[in-house]
Protein backbone atom coordinates (compact mmCIF):
# COMPACT_ATOMS: atom_id res chain seq x y z
CA MET A 1 -3.86 124.21 -28.45
CA ASN A 2 -0.28 123.73 -26.92
CA VAL A 3 2.92 122.57 -29.60
CA GLY A 4 3.00 119.26 -29.57
CA ASP A 5 -0.12 118.41 -29.21
CA LEU A 6 -2.58 116.28 -31.73
CA VAL A 7 -5.29 118.30 -34.24
CA ARG A 8 -7.68 117.09 -37.50
CA HIS A 9 -9.07 120.17 -39.62
CA LYS A 10 -12.86 121.39 -38.28
CA HIS A 11 -13.83 120.81 -42.16
CA LEU A 12 -11.01 117.99 -44.18
CA GLY A 13 -10.89 115.46 -41.25
CA GLY A 14 -7.12 114.42 -41.26
CA MET A 15 -4.28 114.18 -38.66
CA GLY A 16 -1.55 116.78 -37.69
CA LEU A 17 1.00 117.48 -34.62
CA ILE A 18 1.04 120.94 -33.37
CA VAL A 19 4.43 122.19 -34.55
CA GLY A 20 4.96 125.95 -33.99
CA LYS A 21 2.93 130.18 -33.18
CA LYS A 22 2.65 132.79 -34.64
CA THR A 23 2.08 136.21 -34.69
CA VAL A 24 0.25 137.59 -37.45
CA MET A 25 -1.84 140.19 -38.17
CA SER A 26 -5.14 139.35 -39.55
CA ASN A 27 -7.88 141.61 -41.00
CA ILE A 28 -10.37 139.38 -39.60
CA THR A 29 -9.78 139.84 -36.01
CA MET A 30 -8.70 143.04 -37.00
CA GLY A 31 -4.99 144.07 -34.94
CA LEU A 32 -2.66 140.68 -33.49
CA ALA A 33 -4.01 136.84 -34.12
CA THR A 34 -2.17 133.14 -33.10
CA LYS A 35 -1.57 131.16 -35.58
CA LEU A 36 -0.84 127.58 -35.83
CA THR A 37 1.15 125.45 -37.65
CA VAL A 38 1.10 122.02 -38.07
CA GLU A 39 2.67 119.04 -39.34
CA TRP A 40 -0.03 116.70 -42.06
CA LEU A 41 0.65 113.50 -40.72
CA ASP A 42 -2.34 111.94 -42.42
CA ALA A 43 -4.55 114.00 -44.87
CA HIS A 44 -5.45 113.36 -47.83
CA TRP A 45 -5.71 116.55 -49.10
CA VAL A 46 -2.32 117.43 -48.65
CA GLN A 47 1.60 115.75 -49.38
CA PRO A 48 2.54 114.32 -45.91
CA ARG A 49 4.79 115.97 -43.72
CA SER A 50 4.10 119.45 -44.90
CA HIS A 51 3.72 122.47 -42.30
CA ILE A 52 0.48 124.76 -42.95
CA ASP A 53 -0.37 127.55 -40.84
CA TYR A 54 -3.60 127.92 -39.80
CA PHE A 55 -6.54 129.78 -36.83
CA PRO A 56 -7.36 127.59 -33.98
CA ALA A 57 -11.10 128.18 -35.01
CA PHE A 58 -9.78 125.47 -38.46
CA LEU A 59 -9.09 122.94 -35.47
CA GLU A 60 -10.04 120.38 -33.10
CA LEU A 61 -8.24 118.05 -30.20
CA TYR A 62 -7.29 114.49 -30.81
CA GLU A 63 -9.21 113.03 -28.12
CA GLN A 64 -6.57 111.34 -25.49
CA THR A 65 -7.30 107.61 -25.94
CA ASP A 66 -4.74 106.93 -23.23
CA LYS A 67 -6.23 107.42 -20.33
CA ASN A 68 -3.30 105.85 -18.37
CA CYS A 69 -1.79 109.76 -18.53
CA PRO A 70 -1.16 111.97 -15.86
CA PRO A 71 -2.82 115.26 -16.50
CA LYS A 72 -1.09 117.73 -17.70
């Protein structure tokens, strides 16, 4: 997952845009881990345009719908 990708929360749904990444100390991984900052565009459990940090395991990429775009 990269900055600019559209994602959804695996359990709660909604649609968001990854707007940043940061490295944090995590007790789960017992070391450094990456968290993604997501700006929620469409979610019923948070206010629109709110920024929340998530571990990538809780997010999944939206499928590309425009098949005419060249691959990255």
